[in-house]
Amino acid sequence: MNYLTLEDENLAQSGMKDLPVGASSYSDTKKLKRRYLGYSLDKLAESLNEDFEKWTFVAEANNEAYLAVEVSLNGSLETILNELRAQGIKSEEQVIQQEVFVVSKK
């Protein structure tokens, strides 16, 4: 699981000028890069989960800043995390371990 936190809000919002007039959020794809404009960190994580089903992204709670980021659609997880980091979004990998007890009745 990749836990996303906003490290540099100004940097993560620097592309907001590209948001179309009248739109609250917007995404598009150009040259195998996906842009997410006007997304909260939570909505960004949700969209990344849809676009990259093999990885899981979770956002920092209570962060509603509107962001503008771009990631490669054909990149590895490391590439995507580096691109996010360069745009002010930090990611920490967290492993969730759970103990499961199986009880059966004979």
PDB file of N, CA and C in Angstrom:
ATOM      1  N   MET A   1       0.849  -1.164   0.000  1.00  0.00           N
ATOM      2  CA  MET A   1       0.000   0.000   0.000  1.00  0.00           C
ATOM      3  C   MET A   1       0.900   1.233   0.000  1.00  0.00           C
ATOM      4  N   ASN A   2       0.541   2.213  -0.788  1.00  0.00           N
ATOM      5  CA  ASN A   2       1.318   3.449  -0.894  1.00  0.00           C
ATOM      6  C   ASN A   2       0.504   4.581  -0.276  1.00  0.00           C
ATOM      7  N   TYR A   3       0.998   5.088   0.842  1.00  0.00           N
ATOM      8  CA  TYR A   3       0.309   6.126   1.606  1.00  0.00           C
ATOM      9  C   TYR A   3       0.778   7.496   1.131  1.00  0.00           C
ATOM     10  N   LEU A   4      -0.132   8.274   0.529  1.00  0.00           N
ATOM     11  CA  LEU A   4       0.211   9.574  -0.049  1.00  0.00           C
ATOM     12  C   LEU A   4      -0.015  10.709   0.938  1.00  0.00           C
ATOM     13  N   THR A   5       0.963  11.591   1.058  1.00  0.00           N
ATOM     14  CA  THR A   5       0.822  12.791   1.876  1.00  0.00           C
ATOM     15  C   THR A   5       1.284  13.995   1.055  1.00  0.00           C
ATOM     16  N   LEU A   6       0.708  15.128   1.358  1.00  0.00           N
ATOM     17  CA  LEU A   6       1.059  16.366   0.663  1.00  0.00           C
ATOM     18  C   LEU A   6       2.267  16.973   1.352  1.00  0.00           C
ATOM     19  N   GLU A   7       3.383  17.013   0.629  1.00  0.00           N
ATOM     20  CA  GLU A   7       4.628  17.527   1.198  1.00  0.00           C
ATOM     21  C   GLU A   7       4.852  18.997   0.850  1.00  0.00           C
ATOM     22  N   ASP A   8       4.515  19.397  -0.366  1.00  0.00           N
ATOM     23  CA  ASP A   8       4.703  20.772  -0.815  1.00  0.00           C
ATOM     24  C   ASP A   8       3.445  21.205  -1.571  1.00  0.00           C
ATOM     25  N   GLU A   9       2.532  21.854  -0.871  1.00  0.00           N
ATOM     26  CA  GLU A   9       1.246  22.227  -1.459  1.00  0.00           C
ATOM     27  C   GLU A   9       1.401  23.166  -2.650  1.00  0.00           C
ATOM     28  N   ASN A  10       2.303  24.142  -2.553  1.00  0.00           N
ATOM     29  CA  ASN A  10       2.517  25.076  -3.673  1.00  0.00           C
ATOM     30  C   ASN A  10       2.978  24.355  -4.932  1.00  0.00           C
ATOM     31  N   LEU A  11       3.892  23.418  -4.772  1.00  0.00           N
ATOM     32  CA  LEU A  11       4.389  22.658  -5.912  1.00  0.00           C
ATOM     33  C   LEU A  11       3.285  21.776  -6.497  1.00  0.00           C
ATOM     34  N   ALA A  12       2.505  21.129  -5.634  1.00  0.00           N
ATOM     35  CA  ALA A  12       1.439  20.241  -6.090  1.00  0.00           C
ATOM     36  C   ALA A  12       0.280  20.998  -6.741  1.00  0.00           C
ATOM     37  N   GLN A  13       0.191  22.294  -6.498  1.00  0.00           N
ATOM     38  CA  GLN A  13      -0.877  23.106  -7.085  1.00  0.00           C
ATOM     39  C   GLN A  13      -0.404  23.946  -8.259  1.00  0.00           C
ATOM     40  N   SER A  14       0.870  23.861  -8.605  1.00  0.00           N
ATOM     41  CA  SER A  14       1.427  24.753  -9.623  1.00  0.00           C
ATOM     42  C   SER A  14       0.800  24.587 -11.003  1.00  0.00           C
ATOM     43  N   GLY A  15       0.226  23.439 -11.315  1.00  0.00           N
ATOM     44  CA  GLY A  15      -0.386  23.233 -12.622  1.00  0.00           C
ATOM     45  C   GLY A  15      -1.855  23.586 -12.691  1.00  0.00           C
ATOM     46  N   MET A  16      -2.410  24.173 -11.631  1.00  0.00           N
ATOM     47  CA  MET A  16      -3.845  24.487 -11.596  1.00  0.00           C
ATOM     48  C   MET A  16      -4.249  25.486 -12.666  1.00  0.00           C
ATOM     49  N   LYS A  17      -3.308  26.240 -13.194  1.00  0.00           N
ATOM     50  CA  LYS A  17      -3.639  27.221 -14.239  1.00  0.00           C
ATOM     51  C   LYS A  17      -4.149  26.533 -15.505  1.00  0.00           C
ATOM     52  N   ASP A  18      -3.865  25.231 -15.658  1.00  0.00           N
ATOM     53  CA  ASP A  18      -4.316  24.466 -16.822  1.00  0.00           C
ATOM     54  C   ASP A  18      -5.740  23.938 -16.682  1.00  0.00           C
ATOM     55  N   LEU A  19      -6.356  24.129 -15.525  1.00  0.00           N
ATOM     56  CA  LEU A  19      -7.729  23.658 -15.306  1.00  0.00           C
ATOM     57  C   LEU A  19      -8.676  24.456 -16.194  1.00  0.00           C
ATOM     58  N   PRO A  20      -9.486  23.789 -17.024  1.00  0.00           N
ATOM     59  CA  PRO A  20     -10.406  24.512 -17.906  1.00  0.00           C
ATOM     60  C   PRO A  20     -11.370  25.410 -17.122  1.00  0.00           C
ATOM     61  N   VAL A  21     -11.715  26.538 -17.700  1.00  0.00           N
ATOM     62  CA  VAL A  21     -12.621  27.486 -17.062  1.00  0.00           C
ATOM     63  C   VAL A  21     -13.952  26.801 -16.780  1.00  0.00           C
ATOM     64  N   GLY A  22     -14.437  26.946 -15.564  1.00  0.00           N
ATOM     65  CA  GLY A  22     -15.720  26.383 -15.168  1.00  0.00           C
ATOM     66  C   GLY A  22     -15.653  24.959 -14.661  1.00  0.00           C
ATOM     67  N   ALA A  23     -14.509  24.297 -14.775  1.00  0.00           N
ATOM     68  CA  ALA A  23     -14.380  22.915 -14.314  1.00  0.00           C
ATOM     69  C   ALA A  23     -13.892  22.893 -12.867  1.00  0.00           C
ATOM     70  N   SER A  24     -14.444  21.996 -12.073  1.00  0.00           N
ATOM     71  CA  SER A  24     -13.949  21.858 -10.705  1.00  0.00           C
ATOM     72  C   SER A  24     -12.815  20.843 -10.649  1.00  0.00           C
ATOM     73  N   SER A  25     -12.858  19.848 -11.521  1.00  0.00           N
ATOM     74  CA  SER A  25     -11.747  18.902 -11.657  1.00  0.00           C
ATOM     75  C   SER A  25     -11.736  18.384 -13.092  1.00  0.00           C
ATOM     76  N   TYR A  26     -10.591  17.863 -13.483  1.00  0.00           N
ATOM     77  CA  TYR A  26     -10.421  17.498 -14.885  1.00  0.00           C
ATOM     78  C   TYR A  26      -9.252  16.531 -14.992  1.00  0.00           C
ATOM     79  N   SER A  27      -9.381  15.542 -15.862  1.00  0.00           N
ATOM     80  CA  SER A  27      -8.228  14.687 -16.150  1.00  0.00           C
ATOM     81  C   SER A  27      -8.178  14.431 -17.641  1.00  0.00           C
ATOM     82  N   ASP A  28      -6.978  14.263 -18.148  1.00  0.00           N
ATOM     83  CA  ASP A  28      -6.803  13.932 -19.548  1.00  0.00           C
ATOM     84  C   ASP A  28      -5.526  13.131 -19.717  1.00  0.00           C
ATOM     85  N   THR A  29      -5.365  12.604 -20.917  1.00  0.00           N
ATOM     86  CA  THR A  29      -4.184  11.807 -21.232  1.00  0.00           C
ATOM     87  C   THR A  29      -3.535  12.371 -22.483  1.00  0.00           C
ATOM     88  N   LYS A  30      -2.241  12.649 -22.385  1.00  0.00           N
ATOM     89  CA  LYS A  30      -1.456  13.131 -23.524  1.00  0.00           C
ATOM     90  C   LYS A  30      -0.105  12.438 -23.492  1.00  0.00           C
ATOM     91  N   LYS A  31       0.270  11.858 -24.611  1.00  0.00           N
ATOM     92  CA  LYS A  31       1.587  11.239 -24.748  1.00  0.00           C
ATOM     93  C   LYS A  31       1.895  10.276 -23.604  1.00  0.00           C
ATOM     94  N   LEU A  32       0.938   9.395 -23.307  1.00  0.00           N
ATOM     95  CA  LEU A  32       1.062   8.378 -22.258  1.00  0.00           C
ATOM     96  C   LEU A  32       1.278   8.956 -20.860  1.00  0.00           C
ATOM     97  N   LYS A  33       0.809  10.178 -20.653  1.00  0.00           N
ATOM     98  CA  LYS A  33       0.826  10.794 -19.319  1.00  0.00           C
ATOM     99  C   LYS A  33      -0.596  11.180 -18.960  1.00  0.00           C
ATOM    100  N   ARG A  34      -0.971  10.918 -17.726  1.00  0.00           N
ATOM    101  CA  ARG A  34      -2.300  11.273 -17.231  1.00  0.00           C
ATOM    102  C   ARG A  34      -2.162  12.473 -16.309  1.00  0.00           C
ATOM    103  N   ARG A  35      -2.972  13.514 -16.588  1.00  0.00           N
ATOM    104  CA  ARG A  35      -3.010  14.702 -15.720  1.00  0.00           C
ATOM    105  C   ARG A  35      -4.265  14.651 -14.868  1.00  0.00           C
ATOM    106  N   TYR A  36      -4.113  15.007 -13.613  1.00  0.00           N
ATOM    107  CA  TYR A  36      -5.229  15.118 -12.679  1.00  0.00           C
ATOM    108  C   TYR A  36      -5.235  16.565 -12.180  1.00  0.00           C
ATOM    109  N   LEU A  37      -6.220  17.337 -12.576  1.00  0.00           N
ATOM    110  CA  LEU A  37      -6.279  18.756 -12.216  1.00  0.00           C
ATOM    111  C   LEU A  37      -7.493  19.011 -11.331  1.00  0.00           C
ATOM    112  N   GLY A  38      -7.279  19.699 -10.231  1.00  0.00           N
ATOM    113  CA  GLY A  38      -8.371  20.046  -9.324  1.00  0.00           C
ATOM    114  C   GLY A  38      -8.807  18.899  -8.433  1.00  0.00           C
ATOM    115  N   TYR A  39      -7.976  17.887  -8.296  1.00  0.00           N
ATOM    116  CA  TYR A  39      -8.298  16.727  -7.474  1.00  0.00           C
ATOM    117  C   TYR A  39      -7.803  16.942  -6.050  1.00  0.00           C
ATOM    118  N   SER A  40      -8.581  16.507  -5.075  1.00  0.00           N
ATOM    119  CA  SER A  40      -8.084  16.447  -3.699  1.00  0.00           C
ATOM    120  C   SER A  40      -7.140  15.252  -3.619  1.00  0.00           C
ATOM    121  N   LEU A  41      -6.372  15.153  -2.569  1.00  0.00           N
ATOM    122  CA  LEU A  41      -5.445  14.036  -2.414  1.00  0.00           C
ATOM    123  C   LEU A  41      -6.207  12.717  -2.362  1.00  0.00           C
ATOM    124  N   ASP A  42      -7.362  12.720  -1.709  1.00  0.00           N
ATOM    125  CA  ASP A  42      -8.196  11.527  -1.610  1.00  0.00           C
ATOM    126  C   ASP A  42      -8.708  11.099  -2.987  1.00  0.00           C
ATOM    127  N   LYS A  43      -9.200  12.047  -3.755  1.00  0.00           N
ATOM    128  CA  LYS A  43      -9.698  11.770  -5.108  1.00  0.00           C
ATOM    129  C   LYS A  43      -8.546  11.325  -6.014  1.00  0.00           C
ATOM    130  N   LEU A  44      -7.366  11.903  -5.828  1.00  0.00           N
ATOM    131  CA  LEU A  44      -6.193  11.493  -6.593  1.00  0.00           C
ATOM    132  C   LEU A  44      -5.867  10.029  -6.309  1.00  0.00           C
ATOM    133  N   ALA A  45      -5.847   9.644  -5.038  1.00  0.00           N
ATOM    134  CA  ALA A  45      -5.567   8.251  -4.675  1.00  0.00           C
ATOM    135  C   ALA A  45      -6.604   7.310  -5.290  1.00  0.00           C
ATOM    136  N   GLU A  46      -7.858   7.706  -5.232  1.00  0.00           N
ATOM    137  CA  GLU A  46      -8.939   6.907  -5.816  1.00  0.00           C
ATOM    138  C   GLU A  46      -8.739   6.737  -7.328  1.00  0.00           C
ATOM    139  N   SER A  47      -8.390   7.807  -8.010  1.00  0.00           N
ATOM    140  CA  SER A  47      -8.168   7.749  -9.458  1.00  0.00           C
ATOM    141  C   SER A  47      -6.927   6.937  -9.806  1.00  0.00           C
ATOM    142  N   LEU A  48      -5.871   7.062  -9.015  1.00  0.00           N
ATOM    143  CA  LEU A  48      -4.673   6.257  -9.240  1.00  0.00           C
ATOM    144  C   LEU A  48      -4.988   4.772  -9.077  1.00  0.00           C
ATOM    145  N   ASN A  49      -5.841   4.436  -8.112  1.00  0.00           N
ATOM    146  CA  ASN A  49      -6.241   3.040  -7.918  1.00  0.00           C
ATOM    147  C   ASN A  49      -6.997   2.513  -9.134  1.00  0.00           C
ATOM    148  N   GLU A  50      -7.816   3.355  -9.751  1.00  0.00           N
ATOM    149  CA  GLU A  50      -8.549   2.944 -10.953  1.00  0.00           C
ATOM    150  C   GLU A  50      -7.613   2.810 -12.154  1.00  0.00           C
ATOM    151  N   ASP A  51      -6.674   3.729 -12.297  1.00  0.00           N
ATOM    152  CA  ASP A  51      -5.771   3.721 -13.442  1.00  0.00           C
ATOM    153  C   ASP A  51      -4.659   2.679 -13.320  1.00  0.00           C
ATOM    154  N   PHE A  52      -4.262   2.375 -12.102  1.00  0.00           N
ATOM    155  CA  PHE A  52      -3.178   1.418 -11.847  1.00  0.00           C
ATOM    156  C   PHE A  52      -3.675   0.367 -10.868  1.00  0.00           C
ATOM    157  N   GLU A  53      -4.449  -0.563 -11.361  1.00  0.00           N
ATOM    158  CA  GLU A  53      -5.133  -1.540 -10.514  1.00  0.00           C
ATOM    159  C   GLU A  53      -4.201  -2.465  -9.737  1.00  0.00           C
ATOM    160  N   LYS A  54      -2.975  -2.628 -10.209  1.00  0.00           N
ATOM    161  CA  LYS A  54      -2.085  -3.571  -9.526  1.00  0.00           C
ATOM    162  C   LYS A  54      -1.429  -2.985  -8.273  1.00  0.00           C
ATOM    163  N   TRP A  55      -1.589  -1.688  -8.047  1.00  0.00           N
ATOM    164  CA  TRP A  55      -1.039  -1.054  -6.852  1.00  0.00           C
ATOM    165  C   TRP A  55      -2.167  -0.386  -6.076  1.00  0.00           C
ATOM    166  N   THR A  56      -1.948  -0.166  -4.787  1.00  0.00           N
ATOM    167  CA  THR A  56      -2.960   0.469  -3.949  1.00  0.00           C
ATOM    168  C   THR A  56      -2.415   1.775  -3.395  1.00  0.00           C
ATOM    169  N   PHE A  57      -3.207   2.839  -3.549  1.00  0.00           N
ATOM    170  CA  PHE A  57      -2.844   4.158  -3.042  1.00  0.00           C
ATOM    171  C   PHE A  57      -3.891   4.584  -2.020  1.00  0.00           C
ATOM    172  N   VAL A  58      -3.434   5.151  -0.921  1.00  0.00           N
ATOM    173  CA  VAL A  58      -4.307   5.656   0.133  1.00  0.00           C
ATOM    174  C   VAL A  58      -3.844   7.066   0.465  1.00  0.00           C
ATOM    175  N   ALA A  59      -4.793   7.976   0.640  1.00  0.00           N
ATOM    176  CA  ALA A  59      -4.456   9.378   0.901  1.00  0.00           C
ATOM    177  C   ALA A  59      -4.464   9.693   2.388  1.00  0.00           C
ATOM    178  N   GLU A  60      -3.666  10.684   2.733  1.00  0.00           N
ATOM    179  CA  GLU A  60      -3.662  11.244   4.075  1.00  0.00           C
ATOM    180  C   GLU A  60      -5.063  11.773   4.383  1.00  0.00           C
ATOM    181  N   ALA A  61      -5.538  11.517   5.566  1.00  0.00           N
ATOM    182  CA  ALA A  61      -6.882  11.946   5.945  1.00  0.00           C
ATOM    183  C   ALA A  61      -6.971  13.465   6.056  1.00  0.00           C
ATOM    184  N   ASN A  62      -8.150  13.992   5.781  1.00  0.00           N
ATOM    185  CA  ASN A  62      -8.473  15.411   5.958  1.00  0.00           C
ATOM    186  C   ASN A  62      -7.577  16.359   5.160  1.00  0.00           C
ATOM    187  N   ASN A  63      -7.274  15.993   3.946  1.00  0.00           N
ATOM    188  CA  ASN A  63      -6.502  16.893   3.105  1.00  0.00           C
ATOM    189  C   ASN A  63      -7.325  17.196   1.863  1.00  0.00           C
ATOM    190  N   GLU A  64      -7.882  18.375   1.798  1.00  0.00           N
ATOM    191  CA  GLU A  64      -8.785  18.746   0.711  1.00  0.00           C
ATOM    192  C   GLU A  64      -8.197  19.798  -0.235  1.00  0.00           C
ATOM    193  N   ALA A  65      -6.880  19.979  -0.215  1.00  0.00           N
ATOM    194  CA  ALA A  65      -6.256  20.929  -1.133  1.00  0.00           C
ATOM    195  C   ALA A  65      -6.463  20.445  -2.563  1.00  0.00           C
ATOM    196  N   TYR A  66      -6.676  21.365  -3.489  1.00  0.00           N
ATOM    197  CA  TYR A  66      -6.858  21.003  -4.890  1.00  0.00           C
ATOM    198  C   TYR A  66      -5.500  20.954  -5.575  1.00  0.00           C
ATOM    199  N   LEU A  67      -5.215  19.830  -6.205  1.00  0.00           N
ATOM    200  CA  LEU A  67      -3.895  19.560  -6.748  1.00  0.00           C
ATOM    201  C   LEU A  67      -3.910  19.493  -8.270  1.00  0.00           C
ATOM    202  N   ALA A  68      -2.740  19.540  -8.847  1.00  0.00           N
ATOM    203  CA  ALA A  68      -2.571  19.368 -10.290  1.00  0.00           C
ATOM    204  C   ALA A  68      -1.290  18.567 -10.493  1.00  0.00           C
ATOM    205  N   VAL A  69      -1.440  17.285 -10.807  1.00  0.00           N
ATOM    206  CA  VAL A  69      -0.277  16.415 -10.975  1.00  0.00           C
ATOM    207  C   VAL A  69      -0.387  15.619 -12.271  1.00  0.00           C
ATOM    208  N   GLU A  70       0.745  15.079 -12.690  1.00  0.00           N
ATOM    209  CA  GLU A  70       0.827  14.313 -13.931  1.00  0.00           C
ATOM    210  C   GLU A  70       1.709  13.100 -13.692  1.00  0.00           C
ATOM    211  N   VAL A  71       1.261  11.928 -14.159  1.00  0.00           N
ATOM    212  CA  VAL A  71       2.048  10.698 -14.011  1.00  0.00           C
ATOM    213  C   VAL A  71       2.057   9.923 -15.320  1.00  0.00           C
ATOM    214  N   SER A  72       3.089   9.109 -15.504  1.00  0.00           N
ATOM    215  CA  SER A  72       3.204   8.257 -16.689  1.00  0.00           C
ATOM    216  C   SER A  72       2.272   7.070 -16.569  1.00  0.00           C
ATOM    217  N   LEU A  73       1.526   6.785 -17.622  1.00  0.00           N
ATOM    218  CA  LEU A  73       0.616   5.644 -17.605  1.00  0.00           C
ATOM    219  C   LEU A  73       1.332   4.315 -17.796  1.00  0.00           C
ATOM    220  N   ASN A  74       2.490   4.321 -18.415  1.00  0.00           N
ATOM    221  CA  ASN A  74       3.204   3.075 -18.663  1.00  0.00           C
ATOM    222  C   ASN A  74       4.423   2.913 -17.766  1.00  0.00           C
ATOM    223  N   GLY A  75       4.499   3.686 -16.699  1.00  0.00           N
ATOM    224  CA  GLY A  75       5.661   3.632 -15.823  1.00  0.00           C
ATOM    225  C   GLY A  75       5.550   2.567 -14.752  1.00  0.00           C
ATOM    226  N   SER A  76       6.678   2.265 -14.168  1.00  0.00           N
ATOM    227  CA  SER A  76       6.709   1.339 -13.037  1.00  0.00           C
ATOM    228  C   SER A  76       6.217   2.093 -11.801  1.00  0.00           C
ATOM    229  N   LEU A  77       5.987   1.369 -10.744  1.00  0.00           N
ATOM    230  CA  LEU A  77       5.562   2.010  -9.495  1.00  0.00           C
ATOM    231  C   LEU A  77       6.613   3.019  -9.044  1.00  0.00           C
ATOM    232  N   GLU A  78       7.871   2.651  -9.153  1.00  0.00           N
ATOM    233  CA  GLU A  78       8.959   3.556  -8.744  1.00  0.00           C
ATOM    234  C   GLU A  78       8.934   4.849  -9.564  1.00  0.00           C
ATOM    235  N   THR A  79       8.683   4.739 -10.868  1.00  0.00           N
ATOM    236  CA  THR A  79       8.599   5.914 -11.744  1.00  0.00           C
ATOM    237  C   THR A  79       7.453   6.817 -11.307  1.00  0.00           C
ATOM    238  N   ILE A  80       6.307   6.234 -11.054  1.00  0.00           N
ATOM    239  CA  ILE A  80       5.130   7.005 -10.653  1.00  0.00           C
ATOM    240  C   ILE A  80       5.363   7.704  -9.320  1.00  0.00           C
ATOM    241  N   LEU A  81       5.937   6.990  -8.357  1.00  0.00           N
ATOM    242  CA  LEU A  81       6.210   7.589  -7.045  1.00  0.00           C
ATOM    243  C   LEU A  81       7.232   8.714  -7.158  1.00  0.00           C
ATOM    244  N   ASN A  82       8.238   8.547  -8.011  1.00  0.00           N
ATOM    245  CA  ASN A  82       9.227   9.615  -8.228  1.00  0.00           C
ATOM    246  C   ASN A  82       8.572  10.835  -8.870  1.00  0.00           C
ATOM    247  N   GLU A  83       7.664  10.609  -9.823  1.00  0.00           N
ATOM    248  CA  GLU A  83       6.956  11.725 -10.461  1.00  0.00           C
ATOM    249  C   GLU A  83       6.087  12.461  -9.450  1.00  0.00           C
ATOM    250  N   LEU A  84       5.405  11.725  -8.606  1.00  0.00           N
ATOM    251  CA  LEU A  84       4.581  12.362  -7.568  1.00  0.00           C
ATOM    252  C   LEU A  84       5.451  13.158  -6.603  1.00  0.00           C
ATOM    253  N   ARG A  85       6.573  12.575  -6.198  1.00  0.00           N
ATOM    254  CA  ARG A  85       7.487  13.253  -5.266  1.00  0.00           C
ATOM    255  C   ARG A  85       7.998  14.557  -5.869  1.00  0.00           C
ATOM    256  N   ALA A  86       8.305  14.549  -7.170  1.00  0.00           N
ATOM    257  CA  ALA A  86       8.795  15.744  -7.858  1.00  0.00           C
ATOM    258  C   ALA A  86       7.722  16.826  -7.940  1.00  0.00           C
ATOM    259  N   GLN A  87       6.461  16.437  -7.727  1.00  0.00           N
ATOM    260  CA  GLN A  87       5.343  17.380  -7.789  1.00  0.00           C
ATOM    261  C   GLN A  87       4.764  17.686  -6.401  1.00  0.00           C
ATOM    262  N   GLY A  88       5.523  17.361  -5.351  1.00  0.00           N
ATOM    263  CA  GLY A  88       5.137  17.749  -4.000  1.00  0.00           C
ATOM    264  C   GLY A  88       4.300  16.741  -3.237  1.00  0.00           C
ATOM    265  N   ILE A  89       4.189  15.507  -3.738  1.00  0.00           N
ATOM    266  CA  ILE A  89       3.400  14.486  -3.044  1.00  0.00           C
ATOM    267  C   ILE A  89       4.331  13.351  -2.635  1.00  0.00           C
ATOM    268  N   LYS A  90       4.396  13.120  -1.359  1.00  0.00           N
ATOM    269  CA  LYS A  90       5.274  12.106  -0.797  1.00  0.00           C
ATOM    270  C   LYS A  90       4.503  10.797  -0.656  1.00  0.00           C
ATOM    271  N   SER A  91       5.190   9.685  -0.836  1.00  0.00           N
ATOM    272  CA  SER A  91       4.569   8.375  -0.686  1.00  0.00           C
ATOM    273  C   SER A  91       5.425   7.512   0.227  1.00  0.00           C
ATOM    274  N   GLU A  92       4.769   6.833   1.129  1.00  0.00           N
ATOM    275  CA  GLU A  92       5.444   5.863   1.985  1.00  0.00           C
ATOM    276  C   GLU A  92       4.771   4.528   1.772  1.00  0.00           C
ATOM    277  N   GLU A  93       5.580   3.510   1.538  1.00  0.00           N
ATOM    278  CA  GLU A  93       5.009   2.180   1.377  1.00  0.00           C
ATOM    279  C   GLU A  93       4.741   1.600   2.757  1.00  0.00           C
ATOM    280  N   GLN A  94       3.548   1.102   2.943  1.00  0.00           N
ATOM    281  CA  GLN A  94       3.172   0.492   4.212  1.00  0.00           C
ATOM    282  C   GLN A  94       2.638  -0.897   3.938  1.00  0.00           C
ATOM    283  N   VAL A  95       3.095  -1.830   4.728  1.00  0.00           N
ATOM    284  CA  VAL A  95       2.637  -3.211   4.601  1.00  0.00           C
ATOM    285  C   VAL A  95       1.680  -3.478   5.754  1.00  0.00           C
ATOM    286  N   ILE A  96       0.529  -3.962   5.401  1.00  0.00           N
ATOM    287  CA  ILE A  96      -0.468  -4.281   6.424  1.00  0.00           C
ATOM    288  C   ILE A  96      -0.447  -5.781   6.648  1.00  0.00           C
ATOM    289  N   GLN A  97      -0.216  -6.145   7.884  1.00  0.00           N
ATOM    290  CA  GLN A  97      -0.228  -7.563   8.234  1.00  0.00           C
ATOM    291  C   GLN A  97      -1.422  -7.818   9.132  1.00  0.00           C
ATOM    292  N   GLN A  98      -2.085  -8.885   8.852  1.00  0.00           N
ATOM    293  CA  GLN A  98      -3.225  -9.262   9.665  1.00  0.00           C
ATOM    294  C   GLN A  98      -3.093 -10.713  10.057  1.00  0.00           C
ATOM    295  N   GLU A  99      -3.469 -10.977  11.287  1.00  0.00           N
ATOM    296  CA  GLU A  99      -3.512 -12.362  11.731  1.00  0.00           C
ATOM    297  C   GLU A  99      -4.935 -12.849  11.560  1.00  0.00           C
ATOM    298  N   VAL A 100      -5.056 -14.018  11.011  1.00  0.00           N
ATOM    299  CA  VAL A 100      -6.367 -14.587  10.785  1.00  0.00           C
ATOM    300  C   VAL A 100      -6.426 -15.934  11.501  1.00  0.00           C
ATOM    301  N   PHE A 101      -7.444 -16.105  12.315  1.00  0.00           N
ATOM    302  CA  PHE A 101      -7.654 -17.371  13.006  1.00  0.00           C
ATOM    303  C   PHE A 101      -8.852 -18.047  12.353  1.00  0.00           C
ATOM    304  N   VAL A 102      -8.659 -19.287  11.990  1.00  0.00           N
ATOM    305  CA  VAL A 102      -9.737 -20.049  11.375  1.00  0.00           C
ATOM    306  C   VAL A 102     -10.289 -20.996  12.417  1.00  0.00           C
ATOM    307  N   VAL A 103     -11.554 -20.871  12.655  1.00  0.00           N
ATOM    308  CA  VAL A 103     -12.221 -21.728  13.627  1.00  0.00           C
ATOM    309  C   VAL A 103     -13.219 -22.582  12.854  1.00  0.00           C
ATOM    310  N   SER A 104     -13.126 -23.870  13.049  1.00  0.00           N
ATOM    311  CA  SER A 104     -14.072 -24.734  12.365  1.00  0.00           C
ATOM    312  C   SER A 104     -14.794 -25.602  13.387  1.00  0.00           C
ATOM    313  N   LYS A 105     -15.976 -25.942  13.045  1.00  0.00           N
ATOM    314  CA  LYS A 105     -16.804 -26.764  13.927  1.00  0.00           C
ATOM    315  C   LYS A 105     -16.986 -28.108  13.269  1.00  0.00           C
ATOM    316  N   LYS A 106     -16.680 -29.142  14.007  1.00  0.00           N
ATOM    317  CA  LYS A 106     -16.822 -30.502  13.451  1.00  0.00           C
ATOM    318  C   LYS A 106     -18.069 -31.170  13.958  1.00  0.00           C
TER     319      LYS A 106
END
